[in-house]
Amino acid sequence: MTNRFFTASMLKVLLNPQAWKFAGTRLGPDVRPVQHPAHRRWMKRHSHSHAHREVLLVLRGAGQHGLGGKVFPRRPGMVCLLEPLESHDSGYRTAEESDLLWFLIFRNQLVVRLLAVRRGKPLPRQVWRLIFTEEELGISPDQLLSACAAGDGTSPALDQAALRSAISLLITLTVRRILSMDAPQSKESFQRGIISAVERHIRETAGRDLSLESLARIAGYSKYHFVRMFKKHTGRSVHQYIDACRAERMAALLKEGYRISAISAALGFSQPSAFARWRRLRRRMPWKWKETRISAR
């Protein structure tokens, strides 16, 4: 089978799900955490979290991957689930070398990236990236994993089996879709899709636990290129868009009768005083509030 997305060795891993080994705080015991002092020290300076799920499939190479405060050995065929807001590695140690397939899972969109991590290179090379809608896949990736991740608690083993099956199905559906593509996605089409996914992500989180760096990482671009691209496709700066989402979420929560302290926490402000300063600034510049008001697209 020839294609422009995967090498023969990658396909050998991809098309043999029976040999996949699962790792993560909600999975296992296929891959057990290891003691690795050097990686633990590195994790202290290179960890982050975000509000969406991700799935990692290792296609080639070896190394370590930090997740939930633990270190897992990275080997071909390892599948790792990263839960929302779960701390995990941000970047890769320069002594490692791997080819990694990443799945970024949003409510009704899925971003797939092939990254090449090379020894001595501080940043991975993005070999290719694709974005799929729920309609294209025939299933909502987020709803699929959310339903299986919830479980009912009556049988942990059954809950774990359901989650494993969901991840396997998601990867299989995605790879099948990729291999059946007649033409590559255009640069413009991908950019529109990824910015749309970022917009939904900001709306759903109302700016909570977001930073410009984390949003640029989701998009797969440098921070400065992402800022320009976001402005081009939305007509607003990233800060304006986050501000507008926070304003609309605050209005909705006030209408529902939430206390100010609860609203402050829901919007991701570190202290109620910071939330109060933000509200005062909004009142002083009502023109800016009106200018940045949004509606879901």
C-alpha atoms as a PDB file:
ATOM      1  CA  MET A   1       0.000   0.000   0.000  1.00  0.00           C
ATOM      2  CA  THR A   2       1.589   3.293  -1.119  1.00  0.00           C
ATOM      3  CA  ASN A   3       0.548   6.725   0.107  1.00  0.00           C
ATOM      4  CA  ARG A   4       2.015  10.140   0.811  1.00  0.00           C
ATOM      5  CA  PHE A   5       1.212  10.187   4.520  1.00  0.00           C
ATOM      6  CA  PHE A   6       2.875   7.115   6.054  1.00  0.00           C
ATOM      7  CA  THR A   7       5.981   5.018   5.436  1.00  0.00           C
ATOM      8  CA  ALA A   8       5.798   1.216   5.281  1.00  0.00           C
ATOM      9  CA  SER A   9       7.075   0.900   8.860  1.00  0.00           C
ATOM     10  CA  MET A  10       4.469   3.411  10.076  1.00  0.00           C
ATOM     11  CA  LEU A  11       1.698   1.481   8.341  1.00  0.00           C
ATOM     12  CA  LYS A  12       2.892  -1.689  10.028  1.00  0.00           C
ATOM     13  CA  VAL A  13       2.173  -0.059  13.398  1.00  0.00           C
ATOM     14  CA  LEU A  14      -1.016   1.683  12.311  1.00  0.00           C
ATOM     15  CA  LEU A  15      -2.637  -1.370  10.769  1.00  0.00           C
ATOM     16  CA  ASN A  16      -1.941  -3.698  13.678  1.00  0.00           C
ATOM     17  CA  PRO A  17      -4.150  -2.379  16.516  1.00  0.00           C
ATOM     18  CA  GLN A  18      -4.009  -5.771  18.258  1.00  0.00           C
ATOM     19  CA  ALA A  19      -0.371  -4.987  19.096  1.00  0.00           C
ATOM     20  CA  TRP A  20      -1.014  -1.480  20.459  1.00  0.00           C
ATOM     21  CA  LYS A  21      -0.092  -0.935  24.106  1.00  0.00           C
ATOM     22  CA  PHE A  22      -2.071   1.627  26.062  1.00  0.00           C
ATOM     23  CA  ALA A  23      -0.673   4.028  28.641  1.00  0.00           C
ATOM     24  CA  GLY A  24      -2.110   6.821  30.740  1.00  0.00           C
ATOM     25  CA  THR A  25      -3.692   7.572  34.063  1.00  0.00           C
ATOM     26  CA  ARG A  26      -7.042   6.187  32.842  1.00  0.00           C
ATOM     27  CA  LEU A  27      -5.531   3.245  30.961  1.00  0.00           C
ATOM     28  CA  GLY A  28      -2.996   0.471  31.520  1.00  0.00           C
ATOM     29  CA  PRO A  29      -1.595  -1.769  32.767  1.00  0.00           C
ATOM     30  CA  ASP A  30      -0.181  -2.409  29.252  1.00  0.00           C
ATOM     31  CA  VAL A  31       2.520   0.212  29.752  1.00  0.00           C
ATOM     32  CA  ARG A  32       3.599   0.833  33.314  1.00  0.00           C
ATOM     33  CA  PRO A  33       5.311   4.043  34.470  1.00  0.00           C
ATOM     34  CA  VAL A  34       9.061   3.925  35.046  1.00  0.00           C
ATOM     35  CA  GLN A  35      11.524   5.646  37.342  1.00  0.00           C
ATOM     36  CA  HIS A  36      13.418   8.178  35.276  1.00  0.00           C
ATOM     37  CA  PRO A  37      14.983  10.948  37.417  1.00  0.00           C
ATOM     38  CA  ALA A  38      16.357  12.901  34.440  1.00  0.00           C
ATOM     39  CA  HIS A  39      12.964  13.117  32.736  1.00  0.00           C
ATOM     40  CA  ARG A  40      11.255  13.997  36.017  1.00  0.00           C
ATOM     41  CA  ARG A  41      13.623  16.929  36.460  1.00  0.00           C
ATOM     42  CA  TRP A  42      12.949  17.988  32.870  1.00  0.00           C
ATOM     43  CA  MET A  43       9.167  17.724  33.419  1.00  0.00           C
ATOM     44  CA  LYS A  44       9.280  20.348  36.166  1.00  0.00           C
ATOM     45  CA  ARG A  45      10.169  22.980  33.569  1.00  0.00           C
ATOM     46  CA  HIS A  46       8.389  21.542  30.531  1.00  0.00           C
ATOM     47  CA  SER A  47       4.807  20.615  31.456  1.00  0.00           C
ATOM     48  CA  HIS A  48       1.441  22.127  30.610  1.00  0.00           C
ATOM     49  CA  SER A  49      -2.267  21.264  30.429  1.00  0.00           C
ATOM     50  CA  HIS A  50      -5.256  22.310  28.317  1.00  0.00           C
ATOM     51  CA  ALA A  51      -9.011  21.883  28.135  1.00  0.00           C
ATOM     52  CA  HIS A  52      -9.175  19.428  25.221  1.00  0.00           C
ATOM     53  CA  ARG A  53      -8.256  15.749  24.977  1.00  0.00           C
ATOM     54  CA  GLU A  54      -5.342  14.455  22.949  1.00  0.00           C
ATOM     55  CA  VAL A  55      -4.289  10.980  21.867  1.00  0.00           C
ATOM     56  CA  LEU A  56      -0.688  10.061  21.020  1.00  0.00           C
ATOM     57  CA  LEU A  57       0.311   7.067  18.888  1.00  0.00           C
ATOM     58  CA  VAL A  58       4.039   6.343  18.666  1.00  0.00           C
ATOM     59  CA  LEU A  59       5.039   5.170  15.182  1.00  0.00           C
ATOM     60  CA  ARG A  60       8.815   5.000  15.496  1.00  0.00           C
ATOM     61  CA  GLY A  61      11.644   5.580  17.952  1.00  0.00           C
ATOM     62  CA  ALA A  62      12.011   5.506  21.696  1.00  0.00           C
ATOM     63  CA  GLY A  63      12.044   7.882  24.627  1.00  0.00           C
ATOM     64  CA  GLN A  64       9.898   8.916  27.557  1.00  0.00           C
ATOM     65  CA  HIS A  65       6.621  10.777  27.929  1.00  0.00           C
ATOM     66  CA  GLY A  66       5.437  12.478  31.099  1.00  0.00           C
ATOM     67  CA  LEU A  67       1.736  12.327  31.924  1.00  0.00           C
ATOM     68  CA  GLY A  68      -0.084  13.049  35.172  1.00  0.00           C
ATOM     69  CA  GLY A  69       3.173  13.289  37.099  1.00  0.00           C
ATOM     70  CA  LYS A  70       4.367   9.876  35.866  1.00  0.00           C
ATOM     71  CA  VAL A  71       6.920   8.899  33.230  1.00  0.00           C
ATOM     72  CA  PHE A  72       5.993   6.302  30.604  1.00  0.00           C
ATOM     73  CA  PRO A  73       8.455   4.631  28.195  1.00  0.00           C
ATOM     74  CA  ARG A  74       7.688   5.640  24.627  1.00  0.00           C
ATOM     75  CA  ARG A  75       7.865   2.757  22.152  1.00  0.00           C
ATOM     76  CA  PRO A  76       6.293   2.049  18.706  1.00  0.00           C
ATOM     77  CA  GLY A  77       2.648   1.075  19.116  1.00  0.00           C
ATOM     78  CA  MET A  78       2.179   2.896  22.441  1.00  0.00           C
ATOM     79  CA  VAL A  79      -1.109   4.773  22.642  1.00  0.00           C
ATOM     80  CA  CYS A  80      -1.449   7.480  25.284  1.00  0.00           C
ATOM     81  CA  LEU A  81      -4.626   9.338  26.275  1.00  0.00           C
ATOM     82  CA  LEU A  82      -4.213  12.879  27.615  1.00  0.00           C
ATOM     83  CA  GLU A  83      -7.305  13.903  29.573  1.00  0.00           C
ATOM     84  CA  PRO A  84      -8.544  17.530  29.748  1.00  0.00           C
ATOM     85  CA  LEU A  85      -6.468  19.666  32.152  1.00  0.00           C
ATOM     86  CA  GLU A  86      -4.127  16.732  32.844  1.00  0.00           C
ATOM     87  CA  SER A  87      -0.503  17.835  33.172  1.00  0.00           C
ATOM     88  CA  HIS A  88       1.809  16.389  30.513  1.00  0.00           C
ATOM     89  CA  ASP A  89       5.031  17.073  28.644  1.00  0.00           C
ATOM     90  CA  SER A  90       5.320  20.307  26.714  1.00  0.00           C
ATOM     91  CA  GLY A  91       7.946  19.576  24.080  1.00  0.00           C
ATOM     92  CA  TYR A  92      10.521  16.812  23.785  1.00  0.00           C
ATOM     93  CA  ARG A  93      13.902  16.149  25.297  1.00  0.00           C
ATOM     94  CA  THR A  94      16.567  16.768  22.666  1.00  0.00           C
ATOM     95  CA  ALA A  95      18.202  13.361  23.254  1.00  0.00           C
ATOM     96  CA  GLU A  96      15.095  11.560  21.970  1.00  0.00           C
ATOM     97  CA  GLU A  97      14.129  10.628  18.406  1.00  0.00           C
ATOM     98  CA  SER A  98      10.625   9.538  17.368  1.00  0.00           C
ATOM     99  CA  ASP A  99       7.819   9.822  14.801  1.00  0.00           C
ATOM    100  CA  LEU A 100       4.585  10.649  16.604  1.00  0.00           C
ATOM    101  CA  LEU A 101       0.983  10.782  15.418  1.00  0.00           C
ATOM    102  CA  TRP A 102      -1.058  13.252  17.478  1.00  0.00           C
ATOM    103  CA  PHE A 103      -4.856  13.575  17.601  1.00  0.00           C
ATOM    104  CA  LEU A 104      -6.255  16.845  19.012  1.00  0.00           C
ATOM    105  CA  ILE A 105      -9.881  16.214  19.923  1.00  0.00           C
ATOM    106  CA  PHE A 106     -12.449  19.006  19.924  1.00  0.00           C
ATOM    107  CA  ARG A 107     -16.225  18.897  20.146  1.00  0.00           C
ATOM    108  CA  ASN A 108     -16.875  18.357  16.452  1.00  0.00           C
ATOM    109  CA  GLN A 109     -13.456  18.598  14.860  1.00  0.00           C
ATOM    110  CA  LEU A 110     -10.324  16.493  14.931  1.00  0.00           C
ATOM    111  CA  VAL A 111      -6.808  17.725  14.143  1.00  0.00           C
ATOM    112  CA  VAL A 112      -4.242  15.083  13.164  1.00  0.00           C
ATOM    113  CA  ARG A 113      -0.504  15.797  13.048  1.00  0.00           C
ATOM    114  CA  LEU A 114       2.570  13.743  12.233  1.00  0.00           C
ATOM    115  CA  LEU A 115       5.588  15.089  14.135  1.00  0.00           C
ATOM    116  CA  ALA A 116       9.208  14.105  13.600  1.00  0.00           C
ATOM    117  CA  VAL A 117      11.322  14.508  16.744  1.00  0.00           C
ATOM    118  CA  ARG A 118      15.014  14.484  15.889  1.00  0.00           C
ATOM    119  CA  ARG A 119      18.060  14.286  18.129  1.00  0.00           C
ATOM    120  CA  GLY A 120      19.659  17.654  18.836  1.00  0.00           C
ATOM    121  CA  LYS A 121      16.631  19.611  17.541  1.00  0.00           C
ATOM    122  CA  PRO A 122      14.790  21.608  20.234  1.00  0.00           C
ATOM    123  CA  LEU A 123      11.524  21.638  18.252  1.00  0.00           C
ATOM    124  CA  PRO A 124       9.830  18.797  16.328  1.00  0.00           C
ATOM    125  CA  ARG A 125       9.267  19.049  12.589  1.00  0.00           C
ATOM    126  CA  GLN A 126       5.626  18.956  11.527  1.00  0.00           C
ATOM    127  CA  VAL A 127       5.614  16.535   8.595  1.00  0.00           C
ATOM    128  CA  TRP A 128       1.946  17.092   7.784  1.00  0.00           C
ATOM    129  CA  ARG A 129      -1.323  18.090   9.449  1.00  0.00           C
ATOM    130  CA  LEU A 130      -4.974  17.483   8.609  1.00  0.00           C
ATOM    131  CA  ILE A 131      -8.296  18.507  10.084  1.00  0.00           C
ATOM    132  CA  PHE A 132     -11.529  16.509   9.931  1.00  0.00           C
ATOM    133  CA  THR A 133     -15.072  17.463  10.844  1.00  0.00           C
ATOM    134  CA  GLU A 134     -17.560  15.242  12.625  1.00  0.00           C
ATOM    135  CA  GLU A 135     -19.437  14.870   9.336  1.00  0.00           C
ATOM    136  CA  GLU A 136     -16.324  13.656   7.511  1.00  0.00           C
ATOM    137  CA  LEU A 137     -15.521  11.060  10.177  1.00  0.00           C
ATOM    138  CA  GLY A 138     -19.116   9.974  10.689  1.00  0.00           C
ATOM    139  CA  ILE A 139     -18.744  10.307  14.458  1.00  0.00           C
ATOM    140  CA  SER A 140     -18.017  12.981  17.068  1.00  0.00           C
ATOM    141  CA  PRO A 141     -14.528  12.225  18.468  1.00  0.00           C
ATOM    142  CA  ASP A 142     -15.133  14.201  21.652  1.00  0.00           C
ATOM    143  CA  GLN A 143     -18.541  12.656  22.353  1.00  0.00           C
ATOM    144  CA  LEU A 144     -17.176   9.177  21.700  1.00  0.00           C
ATOM    145  CA  LEU A 145     -14.327   9.534  24.187  1.00  0.00           C
ATOM    146  CA  SER A 146     -16.369  11.549  26.694  1.00  0.00           C
ATOM    147  CA  ALA A 147     -19.052   8.864  26.856  1.00  0.00           C
ATOM    148  CA  CYS A 148     -16.537   6.074  27.338  1.00  0.00           C
ATOM    149  CA  ALA A 149     -14.355   8.059  29.755  1.00  0.00           C
ATOM    150  CA  ALA A 150     -17.346   8.783  32.010  1.00  0.00           C
ATOM    151  CA  GLY A 151     -18.243   5.152  32.760  1.00  0.00           C
ATOM    152  CA  ASP A 152     -20.663   4.330  35.567  1.00  0.00           C
ATOM    153  CA  GLY A 153     -18.158   3.189  38.216  1.00  0.00           C
ATOM    154  CA  THR A 154     -19.762  -0.220  38.688  1.00  0.00           C
ATOM    155  CA  SER A 155     -17.003  -2.037  36.809  1.00  0.00           C
ATOM    156  CA  PRO A 156     -13.636  -0.263  36.418  1.00  0.00           C
ATOM    157  CA  ALA A 157     -12.391  -3.046  34.139  1.00  0.00           C
ATOM    158  CA  LEU A 158     -15.387  -2.600  31.827  1.00  0.00           C
ATOM    159  CA  ASP A 159     -15.001   1.186  31.842  1.00  0.00           C
ATOM    160  CA  GLN A 160     -11.337   0.789  30.900  1.00  0.00           C
ATOM    161  CA  ALA A 161     -12.186  -1.661  28.101  1.00  0.00           C
ATOM    162  CA  ALA A 162     -14.768   0.781  26.697  1.00  0.00           C
ATOM    163  CA  LEU A 163     -12.241   3.621  26.691  1.00  0.00           C
ATOM    164  CA  ARG A 164      -9.606   1.462  24.974  1.00  0.00           C
ATOM    165  CA  SER A 165     -12.130   0.421  22.328  1.00  0.00           C
ATOM    166  CA  ALA A 166     -13.156   4.044  21.719  1.00  0.00           C
ATOM    167  CA  ILE A 167      -9.550   5.150  21.212  1.00  0.00           C
ATOM    168  CA  SER A 168      -8.857   2.228  18.870  1.00  0.00           C
ATOM    169  CA  LEU A 169     -12.001   3.033  16.865  1.00  0.00           C
ATOM    170  CA  LEU A 170     -11.106   6.720  16.639  1.00  0.00           C
ATOM    171  CA  ILE A 171      -7.580   6.000  15.403  1.00  0.00           C
ATOM    172  CA  THR A 172      -8.789   3.376  12.922  1.00  0.00           C
ATOM    173  CA  LEU A 173     -11.505   5.662  11.489  1.00  0.00           C
ATOM    174  CA  THR A 174      -9.053   8.531  11.153  1.00  0.00           C
ATOM    175  CA  VAL A 175      -6.337   6.480   9.456  1.00  0.00           C
ATOM    176  CA  ARG A 176      -8.903   4.986   7.069  1.00  0.00           C
ATOM    177  CA  ARG A 177     -10.065   8.500   6.209  1.00  0.00           C
ATOM    178  CA  ILE A 178      -6.487   9.683   5.648  1.00  0.00           C
ATOM    179  CA  LEU A 179      -5.564   6.743   3.389  1.00  0.00           C
ATOM    180  CA  SER A 180      -8.698   7.258   1.283  1.00  0.00           C
ATOM    181  CA  MET A 181      -8.062  10.941   0.583  1.00  0.00           C
ATOM    182  CA  ASP A 182      -7.803  11.735  -3.114  1.00  0.00           C
ATOM    183  CA  ALA A 183      -6.125  15.104  -2.665  1.00  0.00           C
ATOM    184  CA  PRO A 184      -4.345  16.916   0.159  1.00  0.00           C
ATOM    185  CA  GLN A 185      -6.184  19.594   2.083  1.00  0.00           C
ATOM    186  CA  SER A 186      -5.324  23.060   0.836  1.00  0.00           C
ATOM    187  CA  LYS A 187      -3.376  25.386   3.089  1.00  0.00           C
ATOM    188  CA  GLU A 188      -6.243  27.885   3.157  1.00  0.00           C
ATOM    189  CA  SER A 189      -8.814  25.207   3.981  1.00  0.00           C
ATOM    190  CA  PHE A 190      -6.712  23.840   6.824  1.00  0.00           C
ATOM    191  CA  GLN A 191      -6.104  27.298   8.256  1.00  0.00           C
ATOM    192  CA  ARG A 192      -9.824  28.111   8.225  1.00  0.00           C
ATOM    193  CA  GLY A 193     -10.595  24.812   9.909  1.00  0.00           C
ATOM    194  CA  ILE A 194      -7.951  25.122  12.619  1.00  0.00           C
ATOM    195  CA  ILE A 195      -8.912  28.716  13.452  1.00  0.00           C
ATOM    196  CA  SER A 196     -12.547  27.618  13.652  1.00  0.00           C
ATOM    197  CA  ALA A 197     -11.503  24.869  16.091  1.00  0.00           C
ATOM    198  CA  VAL A 198      -9.547  27.386  18.172  1.00  0.00           C
ATOM    199  CA  GLU A 199     -12.553  29.741  18.214  1.00  0.00           C
ATOM    200  CA  ARG A 200     -14.810  26.958  19.511  1.00  0.00           C
ATOM    201  CA  HIS A 201     -12.199  26.042  22.097  1.00  0.00           C
ATOM    202  CA  ILE A 202     -12.072  29.634  23.376  1.00  0.00           C
ATOM    203  CA  ARG A 203     -15.868  29.875  23.480  1.00  0.00           C
ATOM    204  CA  GLU A 204     -16.221  26.590  25.350  1.00  0.00           C
ATOM    205  CA  THR A 205     -13.609  27.535  27.949  1.00  0.00           C
ATOM    206  CA  ALA A 206     -14.463  31.282  28.053  1.00  0.00           C
ATOM    207  CA  GLY A 207     -10.729  31.924  28.246  1.00  0.00           C
ATOM    208  CA  ARG A 208     -10.145  29.717  31.272  1.00  0.00           C
ATOM    209  CA  ASP A 209      -6.614  28.252  31.516  1.00  0.00           C
ATOM    210  CA  LEU A 210      -5.717  29.641  28.107  1.00  0.00           C
ATOM    211  CA  SER A 211      -2.587  31.433  26.992  1.00  0.00           C
ATOM    212  CA  LEU A 212      -1.400  32.678  23.634  1.00  0.00           C
ATOM    213  CA  GLU A 213       1.302  30.008  23.692  1.00  0.00           C
ATOM    214  CA  SER A 214      -1.178  27.188  24.336  1.00  0.00           C
ATOM    215  CA  LEU A 215      -3.517  28.357  21.557  1.00  0.00           C
ATOM    216  CA  ALA A 216      -0.612  28.653  19.112  1.00  0.00           C
ATOM    217  CA  ARG A 217       0.452  25.129  20.060  1.00  0.00           C
ATOM    218  CA  ILE A 218      -3.068  23.842  19.342  1.00  0.00           C
ATOM    219  CA  ALA A 219      -2.985  25.531  15.941  1.00  0.00           C
ATOM    220  CA  GLY A 220       0.486  24.150  15.229  1.00  0.00           C
ATOM    221  CA  TYR A 221       2.051  27.496  14.364  1.00  0.00           C
ATOM    222  CA  SER A 222       4.539  29.836  15.960  1.00  0.00           C
ATOM    223  CA  LYS A 223       3.007  32.347  18.345  1.00  0.00           C
ATOM    224  CA  TYR A 224       3.569  35.277  15.982  1.00  0.00           C
ATOM    225  CA  HIS A 225       2.248  33.523  12.880  1.00  0.00           C
ATOM    226  CA  PHE A 226      -0.795  32.307  14.823  1.00  0.00           C
ATOM    227  CA  VAL A 227      -1.594  35.874  15.956  1.00  0.00           C
ATOM    228  CA  ARG A 228      -1.528  37.121  12.350  1.00  0.00           C
ATOM    229  CA  MET A 229      -3.546  34.164  11.074  1.00  0.00           C
ATOM    230  CA  PHE A 230      -6.215  34.522  13.785  1.00  0.00           C
ATOM    231  CA  LYS A 231      -6.657  38.210  12.967  1.00  0.00           C
ATOM    232  CA  LYS A 232      -6.899  37.433   9.258  1.00  0.00           C
ATOM    233  CA  HIS A 233      -9.650  34.823   9.636  1.00  0.00           C
ATOM    234  CA  THR A 234     -11.686  36.364  12.481  1.00  0.00           C
ATOM    235  CA  GLY A 235     -11.104  40.104  12.128  1.00  0.00           C
ATOM    236  CA  ARG A 236     -10.234  40.266  15.841  1.00  0.00           C
ATOM    237  CA  SER A 237      -7.115  39.842  17.910  1.00  0.00           C
ATOM    238  CA  VAL A 238      -6.856  36.765  20.128  1.00  0.00           C
ATOM    239  CA  HIS A 239      -7.150  38.978  23.212  1.00  0.00           C
ATOM    240  CA  GLN A 240     -10.309  40.656  21.868  1.00  0.00           C
ATOM    241  CA  TYR A 241     -11.896  37.305  21.143  1.00  0.00           C
ATOM    242  CA  ILE A 242     -11.120  35.899  24.598  1.00  0.00           C
ATOM    243  CA  ASP A 243     -12.395  39.132  26.140  1.00  0.00           C
ATOM    244  CA  ALA A 244     -15.669  38.883  24.230  1.00  0.00           C
ATOM    245  CA  CYS A 245     -16.170  35.224  25.190  1.00  0.00           C
ATOM    246  CA  ARG A 246     -15.597  36.078  28.841  1.00  0.00           C
ATOM    247  CA  ALA A 247     -18.061  38.967  28.645  1.00  0.00           C
ATOM    248  CA  GLU A 248     -20.781  36.796  27.133  1.00  0.00           C
ATOM    249  CA  ARG A 249     -20.186  33.970  29.606  1.00  0.00           C
ATOM    250  CA  MET A 250     -20.273  36.449  32.505  1.00  0.00           C
ATOM    251  CA  ALA A 251     -23.590  37.884  31.303  1.00  0.00           C
ATOM    252  CA  ALA A 252     -25.078  34.390  31.044  1.00  0.00           C
ATOM    253  CA  LEU A 253     -23.882  33.378  34.519  1.00  0.00           C
ATOM    254  CA  LEU A 254     -25.140  36.620  36.093  1.00  0.00           C
ATOM    255  CA  LYS A 255     -28.540  35.969  34.515  1.00  0.00           C
ATOM    256  CA  GLU A 256     -28.555  32.478  36.056  1.00  0.00           C
ATOM    257  CA  GLY A 257     -27.874  33.949  39.499  1.00  0.00           C
ATOM    258  CA  TYR A 258     -24.285  32.835  40.079  1.00  0.00           C
ATOM    259  CA  ARG A 259     -22.239  34.602  42.734  1.00  0.00           C
ATOM    260  CA  ILE A 260     -19.377  36.864  41.666  1.00  0.00           C
ATOM    261  CA  SER A 261     -16.767  34.554  43.213  1.00  0.00           C
ATOM    262  CA  ALA A 262     -18.114  31.583  41.232  1.00  0.00           C
ATOM    263  CA  ILE A 263     -18.154  33.599  38.000  1.00  0.00           C
ATOM    264  CA  SER A 264     -14.586  34.750  38.605  1.00  0.00           C
ATOM    265  CA  ALA A 265     -13.431  31.139  38.983  1.00  0.00           C
ATOM    266  CA  ALA A 266     -15.441  29.973  35.955  1.00  0.00           C
ATOM    267  CA  LEU A 267     -13.766  32.603  33.780  1.00  0.00           C
ATOM    268  CA  GLY A 268     -10.293  31.595  34.921  1.00  0.00           C
ATOM    269  CA  PHE A 269      -9.325  34.663  36.940  1.00  0.00           C
ATOM    270  CA  SER A 270      -6.744  33.827  39.582  1.00  0.00           C
ATOM    271  CA  GLN A 271      -8.303  36.158  42.153  1.00  0.00           C
ATOM    272  CA  PRO A 272     -11.691  37.894  42.480  1.00  0.00           C
ATOM    273  CA  SER A 273      -9.758  41.186  42.576  1.00  0.00           C
ATOM    274  CA  ALA A 274      -8.407  40.495  39.077  1.00  0.00           C
ATOM    275  CA  PHE A 275     -11.962  39.815  37.890  1.00  0.00           C
ATOM    276  CA  ALA A 276     -13.110  43.096  39.475  1.00  0.00           C
ATOM    277  CA  ARG A 277     -10.374  45.052  37.675  1.00  0.00           C
ATOM    278  CA  TRP A 278     -11.394  43.439  34.380  1.00  0.00           C
ATOM    279  CA  ARG A 279     -15.052  44.445  34.938  1.00  0.00           C
ATOM    280  CA  ARG A 280     -14.060  48.021  35.762  1.00  0.00           C
ATOM    281  CA  LEU A 281     -12.038  48.221  32.563  1.00  0.00           C
ATOM    282  CA  ARG A 282     -15.027  46.943  30.576  1.00  0.00           C
ATOM    283  CA  ARG A 283     -17.259  49.645  32.073  1.00  0.00           C
ATOM    284  CA  ARG A 284     -14.774  52.394  31.214  1.00  0.00           C
ATOM    285  CA  MET A 285     -14.632  51.308  27.570  1.00  0.00           C
ATOM    286  CA  PRO A 286     -18.151  50.223  26.539  1.00  0.00           C
ATOM    287  CA  TRP A 287     -17.180  50.806  22.894  1.00  0.00           C
ATOM    288  CA  LYS A 288     -14.639  48.033  23.172  1.00  0.00           C
ATOM    289  CA  TRP A 289     -17.191  45.664  24.690  1.00  0.00           C
ATOM    290  CA  LYS A 290     -19.577  46.263  21.788  1.00  0.00           C
ATOM    291  CA  GLU A 291     -16.795  45.948  19.234  1.00  0.00           C
ATOM    292  CA  THR A 292     -15.694  42.556  20.477  1.00  0.00           C
ATOM    293  CA  ARG A 293     -19.113  40.984  21.013  1.00  0.00           C
ATOM    294  CA  ILE A 294     -19.325  37.647  19.233  1.00  0.00           C
ATOM    295  CA  SER A 295     -21.803  34.993  18.216  1.00  0.00           C
ATOM    296  CA  ALA A 296     -21.111  31.266  17.864  1.00  0.00           C
ATOM    297  CA  ARG A 297     -20.299  30.236  14.308  1.00  0.00           C
END
